[in-house]
Amino acid sequence: MTQPNTKELTQKKCLPCEGGVPKLTKAQAEQYLSSVPGWQLNRDGTSMNAQYVMKDFQAALNFINAIGKIAEDEGHHPDLHLTGYRRLSIDLNTHAIGGLSENDFILAAKINQLPRELKK
């Protein structure tokens, strides 16, 4: 498997997934991970996470809304957790297959392109 780069991922579109496709192995997910800086795999490689401390509550909401637009456009939706008014955690996996697919890395690469106001 060739390692995808960030640009290639951002130019792709998430494909509908209703199951029936194999999830990425942990080794495959680790290869993809280098294309999405700031994201970490969970222990077994079945999901990934990025965490941010936003400038303030409004900055967090703005970022969440921008993520929501991309998620709707792609038909692939992350789990978003906002706590302490500015701590944002984004979890990605492909629920239908119980693990990661290329869709997760496409969405992560597109999220990485969004402007965000972080705490200084």
Foldseek 3Di string as FASTA:
>chain_A
DDQDALVVLQPDAADDDQDPDAADAQVNLVSPVVRQPQKDAPPRQFKIKHKAFAQFLVLQVVLVVVLVVSCVVRVADWDWDDPPSGIIMTMDHDVNNRGHDSNRSSSSSVSVPDDGGGHD
